[in-house]
Amino acid sequence: MTARGNSVPQFHESHAEPHCDSARPIVYFVDDDPAVRSALAAMATAIGVDAETFESAEEFLESLDDSRPGCVVVDLSLPGMSGLGLQARLQSMQIDLPLLMISGRGDIASAVSAIKAGAFDFLQKPVHHKVLAGQIDSALQHDRRRRVEKRLKMLDMARFARLTDRERDVLQAMVEGFTGKQTAA
């Protein structure tokens, strides 16, 4: 926090995933303007988050490591594949990184399309660095929760797979609301 009480969200250790090789989250910035990419990367560094920048959606897709926790900040209007096109491609690839769409020329229809398609947020350029940093922080927390839930679901599935046939029958009966006596019969 500065002397005037203004603060920029900082990286929280809670973003780091236990038991992961690349626990430190990353923010992928996709924007065709080199000055914007540079400013966004500097902002990410200032809040303690790793950043990678890309000039195009295609370049980003070639380098993407979705095993690493993070989020994507993408400009709506890109040459080649647009921000909405990138969002659709990520969904078709079943990549669930939170996506923040930014635009200097966005319209309401584009914003609605992005949000309906699952964008974490849609922000109008110029975006104040504190607002963007706050949204990045929220997106990273969201991604962390999603990854933990996914890992727990995989553990539950592995435990279920180890049950005997009789144990599965008992579990099914319990789920269906049968009493212990009814299940034992």
Protein backbone atom coordinates (compact mmCIF):
# COMPACT_ATOMS: atom_id res chain seq x y z
CA MET A 1 0.00 0.00 0.00
CA THR A 2 1.31 3.46 -0.83
CA ALA A 3 1.28 6.47 1.44
CA ARG A 4 -1.96 7.68 -0.14
CA GLY A 5 -3.74 4.41 0.53
CA ASN A 6 -3.78 3.27 -3.08
CA SER A 7 -2.90 -0.33 -3.56
CA VAL A 8 -2.47 -2.70 -6.44
CA PRO A 9 -3.39 -6.33 -5.84
CA GLN A 10 -0.33 -8.46 -5.29
CA PHE A 11 0.27 -12.09 -6.15
CA HIS A 12 -1.06 -14.32 -3.38
CA GLU A 13 0.76 -17.52 -2.49
CA SER A 14 -2.68 -19.16 -2.41
CA HIS A 15 -2.55 -19.00 -6.22
CA ALA A 16 0.28 -21.51 -6.19
CA GLU A 17 -0.87 -25.09 -6.48
CA PRO A 18 0.62 -27.67 -4.16
CA HIS A 19 2.19 -30.70 -5.84
CA CYS A 20 2.68 -28.99 -9.21
CA ASP A 21 6.00 -28.53 -10.96
CA SER A 22 5.08 -25.06 -12.25
CA ALA A 23 3.16 -23.77 -9.27
CA ARG A 24 3.68 -20.10 -9.99
CA PRO A 25 0.78 -18.76 -12.04
CA ILE A 26 1.22 -17.02 -15.36
CA VAL A 27 -0.77 -14.40 -17.21
CA TYR A 28 -0.79 -14.71 -20.99
CA PHE A 29 -1.29 -11.35 -22.71
CA VAL A 30 -2.40 -11.43 -26.35
CA ASP A 31 -2.44 -8.01 -28.03
CA ASP A 32 -1.19 -6.81 -31.40
CA ASP A 33 0.07 -3.47 -30.00
CA PRO A 34 3.69 -3.80 -28.78
CA ALA A 35 3.33 -0.86 -26.38
CA VAL A 36 0.26 -2.43 -24.78
CA ARG A 37 2.02 -5.80 -24.47
CA SER A 38 5.00 -4.14 -22.81
CA ALA A 39 2.82 -2.19 -20.37
CA LEU A 40 0.77 -5.27 -19.48
CA ALA A 41 3.88 -7.36 -18.87
CA ALA A 42 5.35 -4.62 -16.65
CA MET A 43 2.10 -4.45 -14.67
CA ALA A 44 2.13 -8.23 -14.17
CA THR A 45 5.73 -8.10 -12.96
CA ALA A 46 4.81 -5.28 -10.56
CA ILE A 47 2.12 -7.41 -8.94
CA GLY A 48 4.41 -10.44 -8.74
CA VAL A 49 2.95 -12.61 -11.49
CA ASP A 50 4.84 -14.21 -14.37
CA ALA A 51 3.77 -12.99 -17.81
CA GLU A 52 4.18 -14.00 -21.42
CA THR A 53 3.11 -11.77 -24.27
CA PHE A 54 1.97 -12.66 -27.77
CA GLU A 55 1.26 -10.60 -30.86
CA SER A 56 -1.43 -12.93 -32.18
CA ALA A 57 -3.84 -15.63 -31.08
CA GLU A 58 -2.07 -18.11 -33.34
CA GLU A 59 1.32 -17.37 -31.73
CA PHE A 60 -0.24 -17.81 -28.29
CA LEU A 61 -1.81 -21.17 -29.20
CA GLU A 62 1.56 -22.48 -30.43
CA SER A 63 3.19 -21.72 -27.05
CA LEU A 64 0.37 -22.47 -24.62
CA ASP A 65 1.10 -24.65 -21.60
CA ASP A 66 -2.33 -25.19 -20.04
CA SER A 67 -0.89 -27.38 -17.28
CA ARG A 68 0.35 -24.21 -15.61
CA PRO A 69 -2.11 -22.22 -13.52
CA GLY A 70 -2.96 -18.83 -14.94
CA CYS A 71 -5.28 -16.77 -17.08
CA VAL A 72 -5.43 -15.16 -20.51
CA VAL A 73 -5.88 -11.45 -21.20
CA VAL A 74 -6.74 -11.01 -24.87
CA ASP A 75 -7.64 -8.07 -27.09
CA LEU A 76 -10.96 -8.48 -28.87
CA SER A 77 -9.68 -7.05 -32.16
CA LEU A 78 -6.64 -8.94 -33.35
CA PRO A 79 -5.42 -9.44 -36.90
CA GLY A 80 -6.08 -13.02 -37.96
CA MET A 81 -7.96 -14.87 -35.25
CA SER A 82 -9.95 -12.42 -33.10
CA GLY A 83 -10.22 -12.54 -29.33
CA LEU A 84 -13.64 -14.18 -29.69
CA GLY A 85 -12.13 -16.68 -32.13
CA LEU A 86 -9.38 -17.50 -29.63
CA GLN A 87 -11.98 -17.96 -26.91
CA ALA A 88 -13.89 -20.41 -29.13
CA ARG A 89 -10.69 -22.29 -30.03
CA LEU A 90 -9.69 -22.66 -26.37
CA GLN A 91 -13.14 -24.04 -25.59
CA SER A 92 -12.96 -26.50 -28.49
CA MET A 93 -9.58 -27.65 -27.13
CA GLN A 94 -11.17 -27.99 -23.66
CA ILE A 95 -8.74 -25.49 -22.15
CA ASP A 96 -10.36 -23.85 -19.16
CA LEU A 97 -8.01 -20.96 -18.40
CA PRO A 98 -10.02 -17.91 -17.31
CA LEU A 99 -10.11 -15.37 -20.13
CA LEU A 100 -10.31 -11.61 -19.71
CA MET A 101 -11.33 -9.86 -22.93
CA ILE A 102 -10.16 -6.27 -23.40
CA SER A 103 -11.03 -3.89 -26.19
CA GLY A 104 -10.71 -0.28 -27.23
CA ARG A 105 -13.34 -0.73 -29.92
CA GLY A 106 -15.66 -3.22 -28.32
CA ASP A 107 -19.39 -2.91 -28.59
CA ILE A 108 -22.12 -4.23 -26.37
CA ALA A 109 -22.83 -7.16 -28.68
CA SER A 110 -19.18 -8.29 -28.53
CA ALA A 111 -19.10 -7.95 -24.76
CA VAL A 112 -22.29 -9.97 -24.42
CA SER A 113 -20.96 -12.64 -26.80
CA ALA A 114 -17.72 -12.94 -24.84
CA ILE A 115 -19.46 -13.21 -21.47
CA LYS A 116 -22.07 -15.68 -22.76
CA ALA A 117 -19.25 -17.80 -24.17
CA GLY A 118 -17.64 -17.93 -20.72
CA ALA A 119 -15.22 -15.00 -20.58
CA PHE A 120 -14.27 -14.18 -17.01
CA ASP A 121 -14.79 -10.48 -17.77
CA PHE A 122 -14.85 -7.91 -20.57
CA LEU A 123 -12.95 -4.68 -19.95
CA GLN A 124 -12.90 -1.51 -22.03
CA LYS A 125 -9.51 0.03 -22.93
CA PRO A 126 -7.93 1.98 -21.50
CA VAL A 127 -8.13 -0.24 -18.45
CA HIS A 128 -6.86 1.23 -15.22
CA HIS A 129 -3.99 -0.94 -13.99
CA LYS A 130 -5.62 -1.43 -10.56
CA VAL A 131 -8.84 -2.65 -12.14
CA LEU A 132 -6.99 -5.04 -14.45
CA ALA A 133 -4.73 -6.24 -11.62
CA GLY A 134 -7.80 -6.92 -9.48
CA GLN A 135 -9.47 -8.89 -12.27
CA ILE A 136 -6.29 -10.86 -12.91
CA ASP A 137 -6.10 -11.68 -9.21
CA SER A 138 -9.73 -12.86 -9.25
CA ALA A 139 -9.15 -14.91 -12.41
CA LEU A 140 -6.09 -16.59 -10.87
CA GLN A 141 -8.07 -17.46 -7.73
CA HIS A 142 -10.84 -18.87 -9.92
CA ASP A 143 -8.34 -20.98 -11.86
CA ARG A 144 -6.80 -22.29 -8.65
CA ARG A 145 -10.21 -23.34 -7.28
CA ARG A 146 -11.09 -25.03 -10.57
CA ARG A 147 -7.80 -26.97 -10.59
CA VAL A 148 -8.25 -28.09 -6.97
CA GLU A 149 -11.82 -29.23 -7.70
CA LYS A 150 -10.63 -31.12 -10.79
CA ARG A 151 -7.87 -32.83 -8.81
CA LEU A 152 -10.31 -33.83 -6.05
CA LYS A 153 -12.75 -35.22 -8.60
CA MET A 154 -9.95 -37.31 -10.14
CA LEU A 155 -9.03 -38.64 -6.68
CA ASP A 156 -12.68 -39.54 -6.03
CA MET A 157 -12.87 -41.36 -9.37
CA ALA A 158 -9.70 -43.30 -8.55
CA ARG A 159 -11.10 -44.28 -5.16
CA PHE A 160 -14.38 -45.38 -6.76
CA ALA A 161 -12.49 -47.50 -9.29
CA ARG A 162 -10.84 -49.41 -6.42
CA LEU A 163 -14.18 -50.43 -4.86
CA THR A 164 -15.27 -54.04 -5.09
CA ASP A 165 -18.54 -54.87 -6.86
CA ARG A 166 -20.26 -55.34 -3.48
CA GLU A 167 -18.95 -52.00 -2.20
CA ARG A 168 -20.30 -50.31 -5.33
CA ASP A 169 -23.69 -51.95 -4.79
CA VAL A 170 -23.75 -50.71 -1.18
CA LEU A 171 -22.73 -47.21 -2.24
CA GLN A 172 -25.43 -47.16 -4.93
CA ALA A 173 -28.04 -48.26 -2.39
CA MET A 174 -26.94 -45.53 0.01
CA VAL A 175 -27.16 -42.90 -2.73
CA GLU A 176 -30.66 -44.12 -3.57
CA GLY A 177 -31.67 -43.70 0.09
CA PHE A 178 -31.94 -47.29 1.23
CA THR A 179 -31.42 -47.97 4.94
CA GLY A 180 -28.56 -50.05 6.27
CA LYS A 181 -30.85 -53.07 6.79
CA GLN A 182 -32.23 -52.81 3.25
CA THR A 183 -28.72 -52.52 1.85
CA ALA A 184 -27.47 -55.53 3.82
CA ALA A 185 -30.20 -57.76 2.39
